[in-house]
N, C-alpha and C. Protein backbone atom coordinates (compact mmCIF):
# COMPACT_ATOMS: atom_id res chain seq x y z
N MET A 1 -184.32 -218.17 -151.79
CA MET A 1 -182.91 -218.43 -151.59
C MET A 1 -182.34 -217.32 -150.69
N THR A 2 -181.59 -217.73 -149.68
CA THR A 2 -180.98 -216.75 -148.78
C THR A 2 -179.75 -216.15 -149.43
N ALA A 3 -179.25 -215.08 -148.85
CA ALA A 3 -178.05 -214.43 -149.38
C ALA A 3 -176.86 -215.38 -149.33
N VAL A 4 -176.76 -216.16 -148.25
CA VAL A 4 -175.65 -217.11 -148.12
C VAL A 4 -175.75 -218.19 -149.19
N GLU A 5 -176.96 -218.74 -149.41
CA GLU A 5 -177.13 -219.75 -150.46
C GLU A 5 -176.80 -219.17 -151.83
N TYR A 6 -177.19 -217.92 -152.05
CA TYR A 6 -176.92 -217.26 -153.32
C TYR A 6 -175.42 -217.14 -153.56
N ARG A 7 -174.68 -216.71 -152.52
CA ARG A 7 -173.23 -216.57 -152.66
C ARG A 7 -172.56 -217.92 -152.84
N VAL A 8 -172.98 -218.92 -152.08
CA VAL A 8 -172.36 -220.23 -152.16
C VAL A 8 -172.66 -220.91 -153.49
N SER A 9 -173.83 -220.65 -154.04
CA SER A 9 -174.18 -221.30 -155.31
C SER A 9 -173.36 -220.74 -156.47
N GLY A 10 -172.73 -219.59 -156.24
CA GLY A 10 -171.90 -218.99 -157.29
C GLY A 10 -172.73 -218.40 -158.41
N SER A 11 -173.97 -218.06 -158.12
CA SER A 11 -174.84 -217.58 -159.19
C SER A 11 -174.83 -216.06 -159.30
N ALA A 12 -173.81 -215.43 -158.81
CA ALA A 12 -173.72 -213.97 -158.90
C ALA A 12 -173.06 -213.57 -160.21
N GLY A 13 -173.73 -213.88 -161.30
CA GLY A 13 -173.18 -213.51 -162.60
C GLY A 13 -171.92 -214.27 -162.96
N GLY A 14 -171.72 -215.44 -162.38
CA GLY A 14 -170.55 -216.24 -162.70
C GLY A 14 -169.29 -215.80 -161.98
N ARG A 15 -169.36 -214.77 -161.17
CA ARG A 15 -168.19 -214.29 -160.44
C ARG A 15 -168.07 -215.01 -159.11
N PRO A 16 -166.85 -215.33 -158.69
CA PRO A 16 -166.70 -215.97 -157.37
C PRO A 16 -167.09 -214.99 -156.27
N THR A 17 -167.83 -215.49 -155.29
CA THR A 17 -168.29 -214.60 -154.24
C THR A 17 -167.90 -215.08 -152.85
N THR A 18 -167.58 -216.34 -152.67
CA THR A 18 -167.15 -216.82 -151.36
C THR A 18 -165.63 -216.92 -151.36
N SER A 19 -165.05 -217.02 -150.17
CA SER A 19 -163.59 -217.10 -150.10
C SER A 19 -163.08 -218.35 -150.80
N ASN A 20 -163.78 -219.47 -150.67
CA ASN A 20 -163.34 -220.70 -151.36
C ASN A 20 -163.41 -220.53 -152.87
N GLU A 21 -164.47 -219.90 -153.37
CA GLU A 21 -164.58 -219.68 -154.81
C GLU A 21 -163.49 -218.75 -155.31
N ILE A 22 -163.14 -217.76 -154.51
CA ILE A 22 -162.08 -216.82 -154.90
C ILE A 22 -160.74 -217.56 -154.96
N VAL A 23 -160.44 -218.37 -153.95
CA VAL A 23 -159.20 -219.15 -153.95
C VAL A 23 -159.17 -220.09 -155.14
N ASP A 24 -160.29 -220.75 -155.43
CA ASP A 24 -160.36 -221.65 -156.59
C ASP A 24 -160.10 -220.88 -157.89
N ALA A 25 -160.67 -219.68 -158.01
CA ALA A 25 -160.48 -218.88 -159.22
C ALA A 25 -159.01 -218.48 -159.37
N ILE A 26 -158.38 -218.11 -158.27
CA ILE A 26 -156.96 -217.75 -158.32
C ILE A 26 -156.13 -218.96 -158.73
N ASP A 27 -156.43 -220.13 -158.14
CA ASP A 27 -155.71 -221.35 -158.50
C ASP A 27 -155.87 -221.67 -159.97
N ARG A 28 -157.09 -221.55 -160.49
CA ARG A 28 -157.31 -221.84 -161.92
C ARG A 28 -156.52 -220.87 -162.79
N ALA A 29 -156.47 -219.61 -162.40
CA ALA A 29 -155.73 -218.62 -163.19
C ALA A 29 -154.24 -218.91 -163.19
N ALA A 30 -153.71 -219.44 -162.09
CA ALA A 30 -152.28 -219.72 -161.99
C ALA A 30 -151.90 -221.03 -162.66
N GLN A 31 -152.86 -221.85 -163.02
CA GLN A 31 -152.55 -223.15 -163.60
C GLN A 31 -152.32 -223.11 -165.09
N GLY A 32 -152.72 -222.09 -165.74
CA GLY A 32 -152.58 -222.04 -167.18
C GLY A 32 -153.76 -222.70 -167.86
N ASP A 33 -153.89 -222.42 -169.11
CA ASP A 33 -154.99 -222.96 -169.90
C ASP A 33 -154.41 -223.99 -170.85
N TRP A 34 -154.47 -225.25 -170.46
CA TRP A 34 -153.82 -226.30 -171.24
C TRP A 34 -154.58 -226.66 -172.50
N ARG A 35 -155.74 -226.03 -172.72
CA ARG A 35 -156.42 -226.20 -174.00
C ARG A 35 -155.91 -225.15 -174.99
N LEU A 36 -154.97 -224.36 -174.54
CA LEU A 36 -154.29 -223.34 -175.34
C LEU A 36 -155.23 -222.32 -175.97
N ARG A 37 -156.24 -221.96 -175.23
CA ARG A 37 -157.07 -220.84 -175.68
C ARG A 37 -156.32 -219.54 -175.46
N ASP A 38 -155.36 -219.56 -174.54
CA ASP A 38 -154.55 -218.38 -174.25
C ASP A 38 -153.08 -218.79 -174.37
N GLU A 39 -152.62 -218.90 -175.60
CA GLU A 39 -151.24 -219.37 -175.82
C GLU A 39 -150.22 -218.44 -175.19
N ALA A 40 -150.45 -217.14 -175.28
CA ALA A 40 -149.49 -216.19 -174.72
C ALA A 40 -149.41 -216.33 -173.20
N GLY A 41 -150.55 -216.49 -172.55
CA GLY A 41 -150.57 -216.66 -171.10
C GLY A 41 -149.89 -217.94 -170.66
N THR A 42 -150.12 -219.02 -171.40
CA THR A 42 -149.50 -220.29 -171.07
C THR A 42 -147.99 -220.21 -171.31
N ALA A 43 -147.59 -219.60 -172.41
CA ALA A 43 -146.15 -219.43 -172.69
C ALA A 43 -145.49 -218.60 -171.60
N ALA A 44 -146.18 -217.59 -171.12
CA ALA A 44 -145.63 -216.75 -170.05
C ALA A 44 -145.42 -217.57 -168.79
N LEU A 45 -146.36 -218.46 -168.47
CA LEU A 45 -146.19 -219.32 -167.30
C LEU A 45 -144.98 -220.23 -167.45
N VAL A 46 -144.77 -220.75 -168.64
CA VAL A 46 -143.63 -221.64 -168.88
C VAL A 46 -142.32 -220.88 -168.72
N CYS A 47 -142.28 -219.64 -169.18
CA CYS A 47 -141.04 -218.84 -169.12
C CYS A 47 -140.83 -218.15 -167.77
N GLN A 48 -141.84 -218.14 -166.95
CA GLN A 48 -141.80 -217.38 -165.70
C GLN A 48 -140.64 -217.77 -164.79
N ARG A 49 -140.31 -219.04 -164.70
CA ARG A 49 -139.24 -219.47 -163.80
C ARG A 49 -137.89 -218.96 -164.26
N VAL A 50 -137.64 -218.99 -165.56
CA VAL A 50 -136.38 -218.44 -166.09
C VAL A 50 -136.35 -216.93 -165.85
N ASP A 51 -137.47 -216.27 -166.04
CA ASP A 51 -137.53 -214.83 -165.79
C ASP A 51 -137.21 -214.52 -164.33
N GLY A 52 -137.62 -215.39 -163.42
CA GLY A 52 -137.31 -215.19 -162.00
C GLY A 52 -135.82 -215.30 -161.73
N VAL A 53 -135.15 -216.23 -162.40
CA VAL A 53 -133.69 -216.36 -162.25
C VAL A 53 -133.02 -215.11 -162.81
N LEU A 54 -133.49 -214.65 -163.97
CA LEU A 54 -132.91 -213.43 -164.56
C LEU A 54 -133.11 -212.22 -163.64
N PHE A 55 -134.24 -212.17 -162.97
CA PHE A 55 -134.49 -211.10 -162.01
C PHE A 55 -133.42 -211.11 -160.92
N ASP A 56 -133.12 -212.31 -160.41
CA ASP A 56 -132.11 -212.41 -159.36
C ASP A 56 -130.71 -212.08 -159.88
N VAL A 57 -130.44 -212.40 -161.13
CA VAL A 57 -129.15 -212.03 -161.72
C VAL A 57 -129.04 -210.51 -161.78
N GLU A 58 -130.11 -209.89 -162.23
CA GLU A 58 -130.10 -208.44 -162.43
C GLU A 58 -130.15 -207.65 -161.12
N ARG A 59 -130.96 -208.11 -160.18
CA ARG A 59 -131.22 -207.28 -158.99
C ARG A 59 -130.65 -207.82 -157.68
N ASN A 60 -130.32 -209.10 -157.65
CA ASN A 60 -129.89 -209.69 -156.37
C ASN A 60 -128.52 -210.34 -156.43
N ASP A 61 -127.73 -209.98 -157.43
CA ASP A 61 -126.35 -210.47 -157.57
C ASP A 61 -126.24 -211.99 -157.64
N PHE A 62 -127.27 -212.66 -158.15
CA PHE A 62 -127.17 -214.11 -158.32
C PHE A 62 -126.28 -214.41 -159.52
N TRP A 63 -125.40 -215.37 -159.35
CA TRP A 63 -124.59 -215.86 -160.46
C TRP A 63 -124.34 -217.33 -160.26
N TRP A 64 -124.70 -218.14 -161.26
CA TRP A 64 -124.52 -219.58 -161.17
C TRP A 64 -123.06 -219.91 -161.50
N PRO A 65 -122.37 -220.63 -160.62
CA PRO A 65 -120.94 -220.90 -160.82
C PRO A 65 -120.60 -221.58 -162.15
N ALA A 66 -121.48 -222.43 -162.65
CA ALA A 66 -121.21 -223.13 -163.92
C ALA A 66 -121.18 -222.18 -165.12
N TRP A 67 -121.63 -220.96 -164.94
CA TRP A 67 -121.62 -219.99 -166.03
C TRP A 67 -120.25 -219.33 -166.20
N GLY A 68 -119.31 -219.66 -165.33
CA GLY A 68 -117.98 -219.07 -165.42
C GLY A 68 -117.89 -217.76 -164.66
N THR A 69 -116.85 -217.02 -164.95
CA THR A 69 -116.63 -215.74 -164.28
C THR A 69 -117.67 -214.73 -164.75
N PRO A 70 -118.34 -214.08 -163.83
CA PRO A 70 -119.37 -213.12 -164.25
C PRO A 70 -118.75 -211.88 -164.89
N PRO A 71 -119.38 -211.38 -165.95
CA PRO A 71 -118.92 -210.11 -166.52
C PRO A 71 -119.01 -209.00 -165.47
N ALA A 72 -118.19 -207.99 -165.65
CA ALA A 72 -118.13 -206.91 -164.67
C ALA A 72 -119.39 -206.05 -164.64
N ASP A 73 -120.02 -205.88 -165.80
CA ASP A 73 -121.19 -205.00 -165.85
C ASP A 73 -122.49 -205.79 -165.79
N ALA A 74 -123.53 -205.15 -165.29
CA ALA A 74 -124.83 -205.79 -165.11
C ALA A 74 -125.42 -206.26 -166.43
N ALA A 75 -125.28 -205.46 -167.47
CA ALA A 75 -125.83 -205.83 -168.78
C ALA A 75 -125.14 -207.08 -169.32
N GLY A 76 -123.85 -207.17 -169.11
CA GLY A 76 -123.10 -208.35 -169.55
C GLY A 76 -123.51 -209.60 -168.79
N ARG A 77 -123.70 -209.46 -167.48
CA ARG A 77 -124.14 -210.60 -166.66
C ARG A 77 -125.52 -211.08 -167.12
N LEU A 78 -126.40 -210.15 -167.37
CA LEU A 78 -127.75 -210.50 -167.81
C LEU A 78 -127.72 -211.17 -169.18
N SER A 79 -126.87 -210.70 -170.06
CA SER A 79 -126.75 -211.28 -171.39
C SER A 79 -126.24 -212.72 -171.33
N VAL A 80 -125.19 -212.94 -170.55
CA VAL A 80 -124.64 -214.30 -170.41
C VAL A 80 -125.67 -215.21 -169.75
N ALA A 81 -126.33 -214.72 -168.72
CA ALA A 81 -127.34 -215.53 -168.03
C ALA A 81 -128.47 -215.91 -168.99
N ARG A 82 -128.91 -214.97 -169.81
CA ARG A 82 -129.96 -215.28 -170.81
C ARG A 82 -129.51 -216.39 -171.75
N GLU A 83 -128.28 -216.28 -172.24
CA GLU A 83 -127.75 -217.30 -173.15
C GLU A 83 -127.70 -218.67 -172.47
N ARG A 84 -127.22 -218.71 -171.25
CA ARG A 84 -127.08 -219.98 -170.55
C ARG A 84 -128.44 -220.55 -170.16
N LEU A 85 -129.37 -219.69 -169.77
CA LEU A 85 -130.70 -220.16 -169.38
C LEU A 85 -131.52 -220.61 -170.58
N ALA A 86 -131.15 -220.17 -171.77
CA ALA A 86 -131.84 -220.64 -172.98
C ALA A 86 -131.58 -222.13 -173.19
N GLU A 87 -130.53 -222.64 -172.56
CA GLU A 87 -130.15 -224.05 -172.71
C GLU A 87 -130.81 -224.97 -171.68
N VAL A 88 -131.39 -224.41 -170.63
CA VAL A 88 -131.97 -225.26 -169.59
C VAL A 88 -133.37 -225.72 -169.99
N PRO A 89 -133.78 -226.89 -169.52
CA PRO A 89 -135.12 -227.36 -169.87
C PRO A 89 -136.20 -226.47 -169.27
N ARG A 90 -137.23 -226.27 -170.04
CA ARG A 90 -138.38 -225.52 -169.54
C ARG A 90 -139.19 -226.44 -168.64
N LEU A 91 -139.77 -225.85 -167.63
CA LEU A 91 -140.57 -226.60 -166.68
C LEU A 91 -142.05 -226.43 -167.01
N THR A 92 -142.82 -227.44 -166.71
CA THR A 92 -144.26 -227.40 -166.96
C THR A 92 -144.97 -226.93 -165.70
N PRO A 93 -145.74 -225.85 -165.81
CA PRO A 93 -146.48 -225.37 -164.64
C PRO A 93 -147.59 -226.34 -164.25
N LEU A 94 -147.70 -226.60 -162.95
CA LEU A 94 -148.77 -227.45 -162.44
C LEU A 94 -149.85 -226.59 -161.81
N PHE A 95 -149.48 -225.85 -160.78
CA PHE A 95 -150.37 -224.90 -160.12
C PHE A 95 -149.53 -224.00 -159.24
N GLY A 96 -149.96 -222.77 -159.08
CA GLY A 96 -149.21 -221.84 -158.25
C GLY A 96 -147.75 -221.78 -158.68
N ASN A 97 -146.85 -221.96 -157.73
CA ASN A 97 -145.41 -221.98 -158.01
C ASN A 97 -144.88 -223.39 -158.22
N ARG A 98 -145.75 -224.35 -158.42
CA ARG A 98 -145.34 -225.75 -158.59
C ARG A 98 -145.11 -226.07 -160.06
N TYR A 99 -143.93 -226.64 -160.32
CA TYR A 99 -143.53 -226.98 -161.69
C TYR A 99 -142.91 -228.36 -161.70
N VAL A 100 -142.96 -229.01 -162.85
CA VAL A 100 -142.31 -230.31 -163.01
C VAL A 100 -141.44 -230.24 -164.26
N GLY A 101 -140.31 -230.94 -164.20
CA GLY A 101 -139.38 -230.95 -165.33
C GLY A 101 -139.73 -232.00 -166.36
N PRO A 102 -139.00 -232.01 -167.47
CA PRO A 102 -139.30 -232.92 -168.57
C PRO A 102 -138.67 -234.31 -168.44
N THR A 103 -138.02 -234.59 -167.32
CA THR A 103 -137.38 -235.89 -167.15
C THR A 103 -138.25 -236.82 -166.31
N ASP A 104 -138.08 -238.11 -166.52
CA ASP A 104 -138.89 -239.09 -165.77
C ASP A 104 -138.66 -239.01 -164.27
N ASP A 105 -137.46 -238.62 -163.86
CA ASP A 105 -137.16 -238.57 -162.43
C ASP A 105 -137.33 -237.17 -161.85
N SER A 106 -138.10 -236.33 -162.52
CA SER A 106 -138.27 -234.96 -162.05
C SER A 106 -139.09 -234.90 -160.78
N PRO A 107 -138.57 -234.18 -159.79
CA PRO A 107 -139.42 -233.88 -158.64
C PRO A 107 -140.38 -232.75 -159.02
N VAL A 108 -141.29 -232.45 -158.13
CA VAL A 108 -142.13 -231.26 -158.29
C VAL A 108 -141.39 -230.14 -157.57
N PHE A 109 -141.10 -229.09 -158.31
CA PHE A 109 -140.39 -227.95 -157.75
C PHE A 109 -141.39 -226.86 -157.38
N SER A 110 -141.18 -226.25 -156.24
CA SER A 110 -141.86 -225.01 -155.91
C SER A 110 -140.80 -223.93 -156.05
N ILE A 111 -141.02 -223.00 -156.97
CA ILE A 111 -139.95 -222.08 -157.35
C ILE A 111 -140.41 -220.64 -157.24
N HIS A 112 -139.58 -219.85 -156.58
CA HIS A 112 -139.74 -218.40 -156.58
C HIS A 112 -138.35 -217.83 -156.82
N GLN A 113 -138.14 -217.29 -158.01
CA GLN A 113 -136.84 -216.79 -158.44
C GLN A 113 -135.80 -217.90 -158.31
N THR A 114 -134.77 -217.73 -157.45
CA THR A 114 -133.77 -218.79 -157.31
C THR A 114 -133.94 -219.57 -156.01
N ASP A 115 -135.09 -219.44 -155.40
CA ASP A 115 -135.40 -220.19 -154.18
C ASP A 115 -136.28 -221.37 -154.56
N LEU A 116 -135.76 -222.58 -154.38
CA LEU A 116 -136.49 -223.79 -154.76
C LEU A 116 -136.73 -224.67 -153.55
N TYR A 117 -137.88 -225.30 -153.56
CA TYR A 117 -138.25 -226.30 -152.56
C TYR A 117 -138.89 -227.45 -153.32
N VAL A 118 -138.73 -228.66 -152.82
CA VAL A 118 -139.33 -229.83 -153.47
C VAL A 118 -140.46 -230.34 -152.57
N PRO A 119 -141.71 -229.93 -152.88
CA PRO A 119 -142.84 -230.39 -152.07
C PRO A 119 -143.25 -231.82 -152.38
N ALA A 120 -142.73 -232.38 -153.49
CA ALA A 120 -143.03 -233.78 -153.84
C ALA A 120 -141.84 -234.34 -154.61
N LEU A 121 -141.42 -235.54 -154.24
CA LEU A 121 -140.27 -236.15 -154.89
C LEU A 121 -140.55 -236.54 -156.33
N SER A 122 -141.82 -236.70 -156.66
CA SER A 122 -142.25 -236.99 -158.03
C SER A 122 -143.68 -236.50 -158.17
N LEU A 123 -144.16 -236.51 -159.38
CA LEU A 123 -145.54 -236.11 -159.60
C LEU A 123 -146.49 -237.05 -158.85
N ALA A 124 -146.14 -238.33 -158.80
CA ALA A 124 -146.96 -239.31 -158.09
C ALA A 124 -146.98 -239.04 -156.58
N ASP A 125 -145.94 -238.39 -156.07
CA ASP A 125 -145.87 -238.11 -154.63
C ASP A 125 -146.62 -236.84 -154.24
N LEU A 126 -147.08 -236.09 -155.20
CA LEU A 126 -147.75 -234.83 -154.88
C LEU A 126 -148.93 -235.03 -153.94
N PRO A 127 -149.82 -236.00 -154.20
CA PRO A 127 -150.93 -236.17 -153.26
C PRO A 127 -150.53 -236.76 -151.91
N THR A 128 -149.39 -237.45 -151.86
CA THR A 128 -149.00 -238.11 -150.61
C THR A 128 -148.23 -237.20 -149.68
N GLY A 129 -147.66 -236.13 -150.23
CA GLY A 129 -146.88 -235.22 -149.40
C GLY A 129 -145.45 -235.67 -149.16
N ARG A 130 -145.00 -236.72 -149.85
CA ARG A 130 -143.62 -237.18 -149.72
C ARG A 130 -142.71 -236.14 -150.35
N SER A 131 -141.90 -235.47 -149.53
CA SER A 131 -141.15 -234.31 -150.01
C SER A 131 -139.67 -234.42 -149.67
N GLU A 132 -138.95 -233.35 -149.98
CA GLU A 132 -137.51 -233.29 -149.70
C GLU A 132 -137.22 -233.44 -148.21
N ASP A 133 -138.20 -233.14 -147.38
CA ASP A 133 -138.00 -233.22 -145.93
C ASP A 133 -137.67 -234.64 -145.48
N GLU A 134 -138.00 -235.63 -146.31
CA GLU A 134 -137.77 -237.02 -145.95
C GLU A 134 -136.41 -237.54 -146.40
N LEU A 135 -135.64 -236.71 -147.09
CA LEU A 135 -134.36 -237.16 -147.62
C LEU A 135 -133.19 -236.52 -146.89
N PRO A 136 -132.13 -237.29 -146.68
CA PRO A 136 -130.92 -236.67 -146.13
C PRO A 136 -130.23 -235.83 -147.21
N LEU A 137 -129.46 -234.87 -146.80
CA LEU A 137 -128.77 -234.00 -147.76
C LEU A 137 -127.84 -234.77 -148.68
N THR A 138 -127.42 -235.95 -148.26
CA THR A 138 -126.54 -236.76 -149.11
C THR A 138 -127.26 -237.25 -150.36
N ASP A 139 -128.59 -237.22 -150.37
CA ASP A 139 -129.36 -237.65 -151.54
C ASP A 139 -129.61 -236.52 -152.54
N TYR A 140 -129.06 -235.33 -152.27
CA TYR A 140 -129.24 -234.21 -153.18
C TYR A 140 -128.18 -234.28 -154.27
N PRO A 141 -128.39 -233.79 -155.47
CA PRO A 141 -129.61 -233.15 -155.94
C PRO A 141 -130.72 -234.18 -156.16
N ILE A 142 -131.93 -233.71 -156.01
CA ILE A 142 -133.10 -234.55 -156.20
C ILE A 142 -133.49 -234.49 -157.67
N GLY A 143 -133.55 -235.64 -158.29
CA GLY A 143 -133.93 -235.69 -159.70
C GLY A 143 -132.76 -235.34 -160.60
N GLY A 144 -133.00 -235.49 -161.89
CA GLY A 144 -131.95 -235.23 -162.86
C GLY A 144 -132.33 -234.16 -163.85
N VAL A 145 -133.03 -233.14 -163.40
CA VAL A 145 -133.43 -232.06 -164.30
C VAL A 145 -132.26 -231.08 -164.38
N PRO A 146 -131.61 -231.01 -165.55
CA PRO A 146 -130.45 -230.13 -165.66
C PRO A 146 -130.76 -228.72 -165.16
N PHE A 147 -129.82 -228.15 -164.49
CA PHE A 147 -129.85 -226.83 -163.87
C PHE A 147 -130.80 -226.79 -162.67
N TRP A 148 -132.06 -227.14 -162.86
CA TRP A 148 -133.06 -226.97 -161.80
C TRP A 148 -132.78 -227.86 -160.59
N SER A 149 -132.40 -229.10 -160.81
CA SER A 149 -132.08 -229.99 -159.68
C SER A 149 -130.85 -229.49 -158.94
N GLU A 150 -129.85 -229.02 -159.70
CA GLU A 150 -128.64 -228.49 -159.07
C GLU A 150 -128.93 -227.19 -158.32
N LEU A 151 -129.76 -226.34 -158.92
CA LEU A 151 -130.12 -225.08 -158.25
C LEU A 151 -130.86 -225.36 -156.95
N HIS A 152 -131.71 -226.37 -156.97
CA HIS A 152 -132.42 -226.74 -155.74
C HIS A 152 -131.42 -227.19 -154.67
N ALA A 153 -130.45 -228.01 -155.05
CA ALA A 153 -129.46 -228.49 -154.08
C ALA A 153 -128.65 -227.33 -153.51
N TRP A 154 -128.45 -226.30 -154.32
CA TRP A 154 -127.69 -225.12 -153.90
C TRP A 154 -128.52 -224.19 -153.02
N SER A 155 -129.81 -224.08 -153.33
CA SER A 155 -130.63 -223.05 -152.64
C SER A 155 -131.03 -223.45 -151.24
């Protein structure tokens, strides 16, 4: 067996050795373990999007208008944001930054903090690439996922 065949076969002690294997390993790690062997890791993935919004509240002066007048101090803003975000639906991680909401009309959201993009209008559209780029702004918000659909329309 040549060195290239050895690396491609992935037989180096089970560790990824080619760039494709490394990318695949990273993707698997970002997808969560849906067999719940790592409940804490999966729970962290589910909470990650809310944590990103809280980060923007704390460090980037983000404030959602529906939350009312922001408190004057940073601790107060963070406290109110936590309370309000506890009410929003949790999103299910798909892979990477891709998440889907709990509603039937949920688009697939790509989320980083308060920056949202819709790479697929629905879970069924994910393989087809049908995305927000095909819709006029008059069709926003996309989907009916409370808070997240509105945040996408705003971002």
